[in-house]
Amino acid sequence: MPRVSQDQLEARRHEILGAARGCFARYGYEGATVRRLEEATGLSRGAIFHHFRDKDSLFLAVAEDDAAAMVETVARNGLVQVMRDLLERAGGSGDTAGWLGSQLEVSRRLRTDPEFAKRWAERSAAIASATRDRLQRQRDAGVLRDDVPVDVLTQFLELAYDGLVLHLATGRPAGELSRVLDVVEGAVRRS
């Protein structure tokens, strides 16, 4: 039997995550049955669960993958840039629709599944930490307003992000959201 390289395993894992993201977004966690996951990935349950212990682990991996990408963007360019990127991609990309649906499913599971909420807390803290660190660097550089604590500005941006995700994920039109993000960004900058 030929050996599979680590790169091949990672590529397969990445393919499974992408297909599973769309399946979870379309059907929700409960509706994304193993059969639907098999259809979405084009793989057998054995091949899927060779990479992930179970459906819960697969869903958490999808959410973690999204969170890691978000932390990277926040650290580099800030949470407002994450929102701008999301708005730009929301113009019809299936990947964005899947990502938005996954975010809504994470929100639902946080309210209904205490074990998932416990496992997710670490990922959520990483996003908040990256946002706070970025804001503190901006404040130290003299770009950020200094009359509001960084933690309050972090919460403000998180609320704006959550509202944008909900708005887009429910299919509402983008309208003037780019200008709304200008207002959000202006609200945290030094005038």
N, C-alpha and C. Protein backbone atom coordinates (compact mmCIF):
# COMPACT_ATOMS: atom_id res chain seq x y z
N MET A 1 0.85 -1.18 0.00
CA MET A 1 0.00 0.00 0.00
C MET A 1 0.89 1.25 0.00
N PRO A 2 0.66 2.19 -0.92
CA PRO A 2 1.51 3.39 -0.99
C PRO A 2 1.28 4.29 0.21
N ARG A 3 2.34 4.93 0.63
CA ARG A 3 2.26 5.86 1.76
C ARG A 3 1.74 7.21 1.28
N VAL A 4 0.98 7.83 2.13
CA VAL A 4 0.42 9.14 1.82
C VAL A 4 1.25 10.18 2.56
N SER A 5 1.69 11.21 1.84
CA SER A 5 2.53 12.24 2.46
C SER A 5 1.70 13.14 3.37
N GLN A 6 2.38 13.83 4.24
CA GLN A 6 1.72 14.78 5.13
C GLN A 6 1.03 15.88 4.33
N ASP A 7 1.65 16.30 3.23
CA ASP A 7 1.03 17.33 2.38
C ASP A 7 -0.28 16.83 1.77
N GLN A 8 -0.29 15.57 1.37
CA GLN A 8 -1.52 15.00 0.81
C GLN A 8 -2.61 14.89 1.87
N LEU A 9 -2.22 14.50 3.09
CA LEU A 9 -3.19 14.43 4.19
C LEU A 9 -3.77 15.82 4.50
N GLU A 10 -2.90 16.82 4.52
CA GLU A 10 -3.36 18.19 4.78
C GLU A 10 -4.27 18.70 3.67
N ALA A 11 -3.92 18.38 2.44
CA ALA A 11 -4.76 18.80 1.31
C ALA A 11 -6.14 18.16 1.41
N ARG A 12 -6.19 16.88 1.73
CA ARG A 12 -7.46 16.18 1.88
C ARG A 12 -8.27 16.78 3.03
N ARG A 13 -7.60 17.05 4.12
CA ARG A 13 -8.26 17.65 5.29
C ARG A 13 -8.86 19.00 4.90
N HIS A 14 -8.11 19.79 4.17
CA HIS A 14 -8.57 21.11 3.72
C HIS A 14 -9.79 20.97 2.80
N GLU A 15 -9.77 19.99 1.90
CA GLU A 15 -10.92 19.74 1.02
C GLU A 15 -12.16 19.36 1.83
N ILE A 16 -11.97 18.50 2.82
CA ILE A 16 -13.09 18.08 3.66
C ILE A 16 -13.66 19.29 4.40
N LEU A 17 -12.79 20.13 4.96
CA LEU A 17 -13.26 21.32 5.68
C LEU A 17 -14.08 22.23 4.77
N GLY A 18 -13.61 22.46 3.55
CA GLY A 18 -14.32 23.33 2.63
C GLY A 18 -15.70 22.80 2.28
N ALA A 19 -15.77 21.51 1.97
CA ALA A 19 -17.06 20.91 1.62
C ALA A 19 -17.99 20.86 2.84
N ALA A 20 -17.43 20.53 3.99
CA ALA A 20 -18.24 20.46 5.22
C ALA A 20 -18.76 21.84 5.60
N ARG A 21 -17.97 22.88 5.39
CA ARG A 21 -18.41 24.25 5.69
C ARG A 21 -19.70 24.57 4.94
N GLY A 22 -19.71 24.25 3.65
CA GLY A 22 -20.90 24.49 2.84
C GLY A 22 -22.08 23.65 3.31
N CYS A 23 -21.83 22.41 3.66
CA CYS A 23 -22.89 21.51 4.12
C CYS A 23 -23.50 22.00 5.44
N PHE A 24 -22.64 22.38 6.39
CA PHE A 24 -23.14 22.89 7.67
C PHE A 24 -23.90 24.20 7.47
N ALA A 25 -23.41 25.05 6.57
CA ALA A 25 -24.08 26.32 6.32
C ALA A 25 -25.45 26.09 5.69
N ARG A 26 -25.53 25.14 4.79
CA ARG A 26 -26.79 24.91 4.08
C ARG A 26 -27.83 24.21 4.95
N TYR A 27 -27.40 23.21 5.71
CA TYR A 27 -28.34 22.36 6.44
C TYR A 27 -28.34 22.57 7.94
N GLY A 28 -27.41 23.37 8.46
CA GLY A 28 -27.27 23.48 9.91
C GLY A 28 -26.55 22.26 10.45
N TYR A 29 -26.22 22.29 11.72
CA TYR A 29 -25.46 21.18 12.30
C TYR A 29 -26.26 19.88 12.26
N GLU A 30 -27.50 19.93 12.74
CA GLU A 30 -28.30 18.71 12.79
C GLU A 30 -28.63 18.18 11.39
N GLY A 31 -28.92 19.08 10.47
CA GLY A 31 -29.29 18.68 9.12
C GLY A 31 -28.13 18.18 8.28
N ALA A 32 -26.91 18.50 8.69
CA ALA A 32 -25.73 18.04 7.96
C ALA A 32 -25.44 16.61 8.42
N THR A 33 -26.26 15.70 7.94
CA THR A 33 -26.11 14.30 8.31
C THR A 33 -24.82 13.74 7.72
N VAL A 34 -24.42 12.59 8.21
CA VAL A 34 -23.22 11.94 7.67
C VAL A 34 -23.42 11.68 6.18
N ARG A 35 -24.60 11.27 5.77
CA ARG A 35 -24.86 11.04 4.35
C ARG A 35 -24.65 12.34 3.55
N ARG A 36 -25.17 13.45 4.06
CA ARG A 36 -24.99 14.72 3.35
C ARG A 36 -23.52 15.14 3.33
N LEU A 37 -22.82 14.88 4.42
CA LEU A 37 -21.38 15.19 4.45
C LEU A 37 -20.64 14.32 3.43
N GLU A 38 -21.04 13.07 3.30
CA GLU A 38 -20.44 12.20 2.28
C GLU A 38 -20.69 12.76 0.88
N GLU A 39 -21.92 13.17 0.62
CA GLU A 39 -22.26 13.73 -0.69
C GLU A 39 -21.48 15.02 -0.95
N ALA A 40 -21.40 15.88 0.06
CA ALA A 40 -20.71 17.16 -0.11
C ALA A 40 -19.22 16.99 -0.36
N THR A 41 -18.61 16.04 0.33
CA THR A 41 -17.17 15.84 0.19
C THR A 41 -16.79 14.88 -0.92
N GLY A 42 -17.76 14.04 -1.32
CA GLY A 42 -17.45 13.00 -2.30
C GLY A 42 -16.63 11.86 -1.70
N LEU A 43 -16.63 11.77 -0.38
CA LEU A 43 -15.85 10.76 0.32
C LEU A 43 -16.76 9.89 1.18
N SER A 44 -16.27 8.72 1.54
CA SER A 44 -17.00 7.85 2.45
C SER A 44 -16.88 8.36 3.88
N ARG A 45 -17.76 7.89 4.73
CA ARG A 45 -17.69 8.29 6.14
C ARG A 45 -16.36 7.89 6.74
N GLY A 46 -15.83 6.72 6.34
CA GLY A 46 -14.53 6.29 6.84
C GLY A 46 -13.42 7.25 6.47
N ALA A 47 -13.46 7.75 5.23
CA ALA A 47 -12.44 8.71 4.79
C ALA A 47 -12.58 10.04 5.52
N ILE A 48 -13.82 10.48 5.74
CA ILE A 48 -14.04 11.74 6.45
C ILE A 48 -13.56 11.61 7.89
N PHE A 49 -13.99 10.53 8.55
CA PHE A 49 -13.71 10.39 9.98
C PHE A 49 -12.33 9.80 10.25
N HIS A 50 -11.57 9.56 9.19
CA HIS A 50 -10.15 9.27 9.35
C HIS A 50 -9.44 10.56 9.77
N HIS A 51 -9.94 11.68 9.28
CA HIS A 51 -9.34 12.98 9.55
C HIS A 51 -9.96 13.67 10.76
N PHE A 52 -11.20 13.35 11.08
CA PHE A 52 -11.92 14.00 12.18
C PHE A 52 -12.62 12.91 13.00
N ARG A 53 -12.52 13.00 14.29
CA ARG A 53 -13.05 11.95 15.17
C ARG A 53 -14.54 11.70 14.98
N ASP A 54 -15.31 12.79 14.82
CA ASP A 54 -16.76 12.66 14.67
C ASP A 54 -17.30 13.96 14.06
N LYS A 55 -18.60 14.03 13.86
CA LYS A 55 -19.21 15.20 13.24
C LYS A 55 -18.98 16.46 14.07
N ASP A 56 -19.05 16.33 15.38
CA ASP A 56 -18.81 17.48 16.25
C ASP A 56 -17.39 18.02 16.08
N SER A 57 -16.43 17.12 16.01
CA SER A 57 -15.03 17.53 15.80
C SER A 57 -14.85 18.19 14.43
N LEU A 58 -15.56 17.67 13.43
CA LEU A 58 -15.50 18.27 12.10
C LEU A 58 -16.07 19.68 12.11
N PHE A 59 -17.23 19.86 12.75
CA PHE A 59 -17.82 21.19 12.81
C PHE A 59 -16.90 22.15 13.57
N LEU A 60 -16.35 21.71 14.69
CA LEU A 60 -15.45 22.57 15.45
C LEU A 60 -14.22 22.92 14.62
N ALA A 61 -13.71 21.97 13.83
CA ALA A 61 -12.55 22.24 12.97
C ALA A 61 -12.88 23.30 11.91
N VAL A 62 -14.09 23.23 11.36
CA VAL A 62 -14.52 24.25 10.40
C VAL A 62 -14.53 25.62 11.08
N ALA A 63 -15.15 25.68 12.25
CA ALA A 63 -15.24 26.95 12.98
C ALA A 63 -13.86 27.45 13.40
N GLU A 64 -12.99 26.54 13.83
CA GLU A 64 -11.62 26.93 14.22
C GLU A 64 -10.84 27.45 13.02
N ASP A 65 -11.00 26.82 11.88
CA ASP A 65 -10.33 27.25 10.66
C ASP A 65 -10.75 28.68 10.32
N ASP A 66 -12.05 28.95 10.41
CA ASP A 66 -12.56 30.30 10.15
C ASP A 66 -12.00 31.29 11.17
N ALA A 67 -11.99 30.89 12.44
CA ALA A 67 -11.50 31.77 13.50
C ALA A 67 -10.01 32.07 13.33
N ALA A 68 -9.22 31.07 12.94
CA ALA A 68 -7.78 31.28 12.75
C ALA A 68 -7.52 32.29 11.63
N ALA A 69 -8.27 32.16 10.54
CA ALA A 69 -8.11 33.11 9.44
C ALA A 69 -8.50 34.52 9.88
N MET A 70 -9.53 34.59 10.69
CA MET A 70 -9.99 35.89 11.18
C MET A 70 -8.95 36.51 12.12
N VAL A 71 -8.38 35.72 13.03
CA VAL A 71 -7.36 36.23 13.96
C VAL A 71 -6.17 36.78 13.18
N GLU A 72 -5.78 36.07 12.14
CA GLU A 72 -4.65 36.52 11.33
C GLU A 72 -4.93 37.88 10.68
N THR A 73 -6.13 38.04 10.11
CA THR A 73 -6.48 39.31 9.48
C THR A 73 -6.61 40.42 10.52
N VAL A 74 -7.21 40.12 11.66
CA VAL A 74 -7.36 41.12 12.71
C VAL A 74 -5.99 41.60 13.18
N ALA A 75 -5.09 40.67 13.42
CA ALA A 75 -3.76 41.04 13.91
C ALA A 75 -3.02 41.92 12.91
N ARG A 76 -3.21 41.63 11.64
CA ARG A 76 -2.50 42.36 10.58
C ARG A 76 -3.18 43.68 10.23
N ASN A 77 -4.53 43.66 10.10
CA ASN A 77 -5.22 44.83 9.56
C ASN A 77 -6.39 45.33 10.39
N GLY A 78 -6.77 44.63 11.44
CA GLY A 78 -7.86 45.09 12.29
C GLY A 78 -9.20 44.47 11.95
N LEU A 79 -10.13 44.53 12.90
CA LEU A 79 -11.45 43.92 12.74
C LEU A 79 -12.28 44.65 11.69
N VAL A 80 -12.10 45.94 11.53
CA VAL A 80 -12.85 46.66 10.50
C VAL A 80 -12.46 46.12 9.12
N GLN A 81 -11.18 45.77 8.94
CA GLN A 81 -10.76 45.20 7.66
C GLN A 81 -11.40 43.84 7.43
N VAL A 82 -11.56 43.04 8.48
CA VAL A 82 -12.27 41.76 8.36
C VAL A 82 -13.68 42.04 7.83
N MET A 83 -14.33 43.06 8.39
CA MET A 83 -15.68 43.40 7.96
C MET A 83 -15.69 43.88 6.51
N ARG A 84 -14.72 44.69 6.13
CA ARG A 84 -14.65 45.17 4.74
C ARG A 84 -14.42 44.00 3.78
N ASP A 85 -13.52 43.09 4.15
CA ASP A 85 -13.27 41.91 3.30
C ASP A 85 -14.53 41.07 3.17
N LEU A 86 -15.22 40.89 4.26
CA LEU A 86 -16.45 40.10 4.25
C LEU A 86 -17.50 40.74 3.35
N LEU A 87 -17.65 42.03 3.47
CA LEU A 87 -18.61 42.75 2.64
C LEU A 87 -18.24 42.65 1.17
N GLU A 88 -16.96 42.78 0.86
CA GLU A 88 -16.51 42.69 -0.53
C GLU A 88 -16.77 41.30 -1.10
N ARG A 89 -16.50 40.27 -0.33
CA ARG A 89 -16.68 38.89 -0.80
C ARG A 89 -18.15 38.47 -0.82
N ALA A 90 -18.98 39.17 -0.09
CA ALA A 90 -20.39 38.77 0.03
C ALA A 90 -21.18 38.99 -1.25
N GLY A 91 -20.57 39.58 -2.24
CA GLY A 91 -21.26 39.85 -3.49
C GLY A 91 -21.58 38.62 -4.33
N GLY A 92 -21.59 37.44 -3.75
CA GLY A 92 -22.00 36.27 -4.52
C GLY A 92 -21.11 35.06 -4.37
N SER A 93 -20.08 35.15 -3.57
CA SER A 93 -19.18 34.01 -3.41
C SER A 93 -19.85 32.94 -2.56
N GLY A 94 -19.91 31.73 -3.09
CA GLY A 94 -20.46 30.60 -2.34
C GLY A 94 -19.67 30.35 -1.08
N ASP A 95 -18.35 30.56 -1.12
CA ASP A 95 -17.52 30.36 0.06
C ASP A 95 -17.92 31.33 1.15
N THR A 96 -18.21 32.57 0.80
CA THR A 96 -18.65 33.54 1.79
C THR A 96 -19.98 33.14 2.39
N ALA A 97 -20.90 32.68 1.55
CA ALA A 97 -22.20 32.25 2.06
C ALA A 97 -22.01 31.10 3.03
N GLY A 98 -21.13 30.17 2.71
CA GLY A 98 -20.86 29.06 3.61
C GLY A 98 -20.24 29.54 4.90
N TRP A 99 -19.33 30.47 4.80
CA TRP A 99 -18.68 31.02 5.99
C TRP A 99 -19.71 31.72 6.87
N LEU A 100 -20.58 32.52 6.27
CA LEU A 100 -21.61 33.21 7.05
C LEU A 100 -22.54 32.21 7.72
N GLY A 101 -22.96 31.20 6.99
CA GLY A 101 -23.84 30.19 7.57
C GLY A 101 -23.17 29.47 8.72
N SER A 102 -21.88 29.20 8.58
CA SER A 102 -21.14 28.55 9.67
C SER A 102 -21.09 29.46 10.89
N GLN A 103 -20.91 30.75 10.66
CA GLN A 103 -20.88 31.69 11.79
C GLN A 103 -22.21 31.70 12.54
N LEU A 104 -23.31 31.67 11.80
CA LEU A 104 -24.62 31.62 12.45
C LEU A 104 -24.80 30.31 13.21
N GLU A 105 -24.32 29.23 12.63
CA GLU A 105 -24.42 27.93 13.31
C GLU A 105 -23.57 27.91 14.58
N VAL A 106 -22.40 28.53 14.54
CA VAL A 106 -21.58 28.65 15.76
C VAL A 106 -22.38 29.42 16.81
N SER A 107 -23.00 30.52 16.43
CA SER A 107 -23.79 31.33 17.38
C SER A 107 -24.92 30.51 18.00
N ARG A 108 -25.60 29.74 17.18
CA ARG A 108 -26.69 28.92 17.69
C ARG A 108 -26.17 27.87 18.67
N ARG A 109 -25.09 27.21 18.31
CA ARG A 109 -24.55 26.17 19.17
C ARG A 109 -23.99 26.75 20.47
N LEU A 110 -23.51 27.97 20.44
CA LEU A 110 -23.04 28.60 21.67
C LEU A 110 -24.19 28.76 22.67
N ARG A 111 -25.39 29.00 22.15
CA ARG A 111 -26.56 29.16 23.02
C ARG A 111 -27.15 27.83 23.46
N THR A 112 -26.97 26.79 22.67
CA THR A 112 -27.70 25.55 22.93
C THR A 112 -26.84 24.37 23.36
N ASP A 113 -25.52 24.48 23.25
CA ASP A 113 -24.65 23.35 23.52
C ASP A 113 -23.52 23.78 24.46
N PRO A 114 -23.69 23.55 25.77
CA PRO A 114 -22.69 23.99 26.74
C PRO A 114 -21.29 23.42 26.49
N GLU A 115 -21.21 22.18 26.03
CA GLU A 115 -19.89 21.58 25.76
C GLU A 115 -19.21 22.29 24.60
N PHE A 116 -19.97 22.59 23.54
CA PHE A 116 -19.41 23.33 22.41
C PHE A 116 -18.97 24.72 22.87
N ALA A 117 -19.80 25.38 23.66
CA ALA A 117 -19.47 26.73 24.15
C ALA A 117 -18.17 26.71 24.93
N LYS A 118 -17.98 25.68 25.72
CA LYS A 118 -16.75 25.55 26.51
C LYS A 118 -15.54 25.39 25.58
N ARG A 119 -15.68 24.54 24.56
CA ARG A 119 -14.58 24.31 23.62
C ARG A 119 -14.32 25.56 22.77
N TRP A 120 -15.36 26.33 22.48
CA TRP A 120 -15.24 27.49 21.60
C TRP A 120 -14.67 28.71 22.31
N ALA A 121 -14.78 28.77 23.63
CA ALA A 121 -14.35 29.94 24.39
C ALA A 121 -12.92 30.34 24.08
N GLU A 122 -12.04 29.37 23.92
CA GLU A 122 -10.64 29.65 23.62
C GLU A 122 -10.48 30.36 22.28
N ARG A 123 -11.25 29.93 21.27
CA ARG A 123 -11.15 30.55 19.95
C ARG A 123 -11.69 31.97 19.97
N SER A 124 -12.79 32.15 20.67
CA SER A 124 -13.38 33.48 20.80
C SER A 124 -12.43 34.43 21.53
N ALA A 125 -11.77 33.93 22.55
CA ALA A 125 -10.82 34.75 23.30
C ALA A 125 -9.64 35.16 22.42
N ALA A 126 -9.22 34.30 21.50
CA ALA A 126 -8.11 34.63 20.60
C ALA A 126 -8.48 35.79 19.68
N ILE A 127 -9.71 35.79 19.19
CA ILE A 127 -10.17 36.87 18.31
C ILE A 127 -10.23 38.18 19.10
N ALA A 128 -10.81 38.13 20.30
CA ALA A 128 -10.90 39.34 21.14
C ALA A 128 -9.51 39.85 21.49
N SER A 129 -8.60 38.94 21.80
CA SER A 129 -7.24 39.33 22.16
C SER A 129 -6.53 40.00 20.98
N ALA A 130 -6.68 39.42 19.79
CA ALA A 130 -6.06 40.01 18.60
C ALA A 130 -6.63 41.40 18.34
N THR A 131 -7.94 41.56 18.55
CA THR A 131 -8.57 42.86 18.34
C THR A 131 -8.04 43.87 19.36
N ARG A 132 -8.00 43.49 20.64
CA ARG A 132 -7.47 44.39 21.67
C ARG A 132 -6.02 44.77 21.39
N ASP A 133 -5.20 43.78 21.03
CA ASP A 133 -3.79 44.06 20.74
C ASP A 133 -3.64 45.03 19.58
N ARG A 134 -4.41 44.82 18.55
CA ARG A 134 -4.36 45.71 17.38
C ARG A 134 -4.79 47.13 17.79
N LEU A 135 -5.87 47.23 18.55
CA LEU A 135 -6.34 48.55 18.99
C LEU A 135 -5.30 49.23 19.89
N GLN A 136 -4.66 48.46 20.76
CA GLN A 136 -3.64 49.06 21.62
C GLN A 136 -2.47 49.57 20.80
N ARG A 137 -2.06 48.81 19.79
CA ARG A 137 -0.98 49.28 18.90
C ARG A 137 -1.40 50.56 18.18
N GLN A 138 -2.66 50.63 17.76
CA GLN A 138 -3.17 51.82 17.10
C GLN A 138 -3.19 53.01 18.07
N ARG A 139 -3.58 52.74 19.31
CA ARG A 139 -3.59 53.81 20.31
C ARG A 139 -2.16 54.29 20.56
N ASP A 140 -1.22 53.37 20.72
CA ASP A 140 0.18 53.72 20.96
C ASP A 140 0.75 54.54 19.81
N ALA A 141 0.25 54.30 18.60
CA ALA A 141 0.72 55.03 17.42
C ALA A 141 0.01 56.38 17.28
N GLY A 142 -0.95 56.67 18.17
CA GLY A 142 -1.65 57.94 18.13
C GLY A 142 -2.78 58.01 17.12
N VAL A 143 -3.20 56.88 16.59
CA VAL A 143 -4.24 56.85 15.57
C VAL A 143 -5.62 56.65 16.19
N LEU A 144 -5.67 55.99 17.32
CA LEU A 144 -6.93 55.61 17.96
C LEU A 144 -7.33 56.63 19.01
N ARG A 145 -8.60 56.86 19.12
CA ARG A 145 -9.08 57.79 20.15
C ARG A 145 -8.65 57.29 21.52
N ASP A 146 -8.40 58.23 22.44
CA ASP A 146 -7.91 57.84 23.76
C ASP A 146 -8.89 58.15 24.89
N ASP A 147 -10.11 58.57 24.54
CA ASP A 147 -11.11 58.90 25.55
C ASP A 147 -12.02 57.72 25.89
N VAL A 148 -11.83 56.59 25.24
CA VAL A 148 -12.64 55.39 25.47
C VAL A 148 -11.68 54.23 25.71
N PRO A 149 -11.91 53.43 26.76
CA PRO A 149 -11.02 52.29 27.02
C PRO A 149 -10.97 51.32 25.83
N VAL A 150 -9.81 50.70 25.64
CA VAL A 150 -9.61 49.76 24.55
C VAL A 150 -10.62 48.61 24.64
N ASP A 151 -10.93 48.14 25.84
CA ASP A 151 -11.90 47.04 25.97
C ASP A 151 -13.29 47.45 25.47
N VAL A 152 -13.67 48.70 25.69
CA VAL A 152 -14.97 49.18 25.21
C VAL A 152 -14.95 49.27 23.68
N LEU A 153 -13.85 49.76 23.12
CA LEU A 153 -13.74 49.83 21.66
C LEU A 153 -13.75 48.42 21.05
N THR A 154 -13.12 47.47 21.74
CA THR A 154 -13.12 46.08 21.27
C THR A 154 -14.55 45.55 21.22
N GLN A 155 -15.31 45.78 22.28
CA GLN A 155 -16.71 45.32 22.29
C GLN A 155 -17.53 46.01 21.22
N PHE A 156 -17.29 47.29 21.01
CA PHE A 156 -18.00 48.04 19.98
C PHE A 156 -17.76 47.40 18.60
N LEU A 157 -16.50 47.11 18.29
CA LEU A 157 -16.18 46.52 16.99
C LEU A 157 -16.75 45.10 16.88
N GLU A 158 -16.72 44.34 17.97
CA GLU A 158 -17.30 42.99 17.94
C GLU A 158 -18.80 43.05 17.68
N LEU A 159 -19.48 44.01 18.27
CA LEU A 159 -20.92 44.17 18.02
C LEU A 159 -21.19 44.55 16.57
N ALA A 160 -20.38 45.44 16.03
CA ALA A 160 -20.54 45.83 14.63
C ALA A 160 -20.31 44.61 13.72
N TYR A 161 -19.30 43.83 14.04
CA TYR A 161 -19.02 42.61 13.26
C TYR A 161 -20.19 41.64 13.33
N ASP A 162 -20.67 41.36 14.54
CA ASP A 162 -21.80 40.45 14.71
C ASP A 162 -23.03 40.93 13.92
N GLY A 163 -23.28 42.23 13.96
CA GLY A 163 -24.41 42.78 13.22
C GLY A 163 -24.24 42.63 11.72
N LEU A 164 -23.02 42.83 11.23
CA LEU A 164 -22.75 42.67 9.80
C LEU A 164 -22.95 41.21 9.37
N VAL A 165 -22.42 40.28 10.16
CA VAL A 165 -22.59 38.86 9.85
C VAL A 165 -24.07 38.50 9.79
N LEU A 166 -24.83 38.93 10.79
CA LEU A 166 -26.26 38.62 10.81
C LEU A 166 -26.97 39.23 9.61
N HIS A 167 -26.66 40.47 9.31
CA HIS A 167 -27.28 41.18 8.18
C HIS A 167 -27.04 40.42 6.88
N LEU A 168 -25.78 40.06 6.62
CA LEU A 168 -25.44 39.40 5.37
C LEU A 168 -25.94 37.95 5.33
N ALA A 169 -25.83 37.26 6.45
CA ALA A 169 -26.22 35.84 6.48
C ALA A 169 -27.72 35.65 6.32
N THR A 170 -28.50 36.65 6.66
CA THR A 170 -29.95 36.53 6.50
C THR A 170 -30.40 37.00 5.12
N GLY A 171 -29.42 37.32 4.26
CA GLY A 171 -29.75 37.64 2.87
C GLY A 171 -30.18 39.07 2.63
N ARG A 172 -30.01 39.91 3.62
CA ARG A 172 -30.39 41.31 3.42
C ARG A 172 -29.37 41.99 2.51
N PRO A 173 -29.80 42.98 1.74
CA PRO A 173 -28.89 43.62 0.78
C PRO A 173 -27.80 44.44 1.47
N ALA A 174 -26.65 44.50 0.81
CA ALA A 174 -25.51 45.23 1.36
C ALA A 174 -25.77 46.74 1.41
N GLY A 175 -26.51 47.25 0.43
CA GLY A 175 -26.84 48.67 0.43
C GLY A 175 -25.62 49.55 0.64
N GLU A 176 -25.69 50.38 1.66
CA GLU A 176 -24.63 51.35 1.97
C GLU A 176 -23.72 50.86 3.09
N LEU A 177 -23.59 49.55 3.24
CA LEU A 177 -22.79 49.02 4.35
C LEU A 177 -21.33 49.45 4.29
N SER A 178 -20.81 49.70 3.12
CA SER A 178 -19.44 50.18 3.02
C SER A 178 -19.30 51.53 3.73
N ARG A 179 -20.30 52.38 3.53
CA ARG A 179 -20.29 53.69 4.20
C ARG A 179 -20.52 53.54 5.69
N VAL A 180 -21.33 52.55 6.08
CA VAL A 180 -21.54 52.27 7.51
C VAL A 180 -20.21 51.88 8.15
N LEU A 181 -19.43 51.06 7.44
CA LEU A 181 -18.12 50.68 7.98
C LEU A 181 -17.18 51.87 8.07
N ASP A 182 -17.32 52.84 7.19
CA ASP A 182 -16.54 54.09 7.31
C ASP A 182 -16.89 54.78 8.63
N VAL A 183 -18.17 54.76 8.98
CA VAL A 183 -18.61 55.38 10.25
C VAL A 183 -18.06 54.60 11.43
N VAL A 184 -18.11 53.28 11.36
CA VAL A 184 -17.56 52.45 12.44
C VAL A 184 -16.08 52.74 12.62
N GLU A 185 -15.34 52.77 11.51
CA GLU A 185 -13.91 53.03 11.60
C GLU A 185 -13.64 54.43 12.14
N GLY A 186 -14.41 55.39 11.68
CA GLY A 186 -14.26 56.76 12.16
C GLY A 186 -14.55 56.90 13.64
N ALA A 187 -15.44 56.06 14.15
CA ALA A 187 -15.82 56.13 15.57
C ALA A 187 -14.68 55.71 16.50
N VAL A 188 -13.74 54.91 16.01
CA VAL A 188 -12.65 54.47 16.87
C VAL A 188 -11.35 55.25 16.64
N ARG A 189 -11.31 56.01 15.57
CA ARG A 189 -10.10 56.78 15.25
C ARG A 189 -10.10 58.13 15.97
N ARG A 190 -8.91 58.61 16.16
CA ARG A 190 -8.73 59.95 16.75
C ARG A 190 -9.17 60.98 15.73
N SER A 191 -9.94 61.96 16.19
CA SER A 191 -10.41 62.98 15.22
C SER A 191 -9.49 64.14 15.10
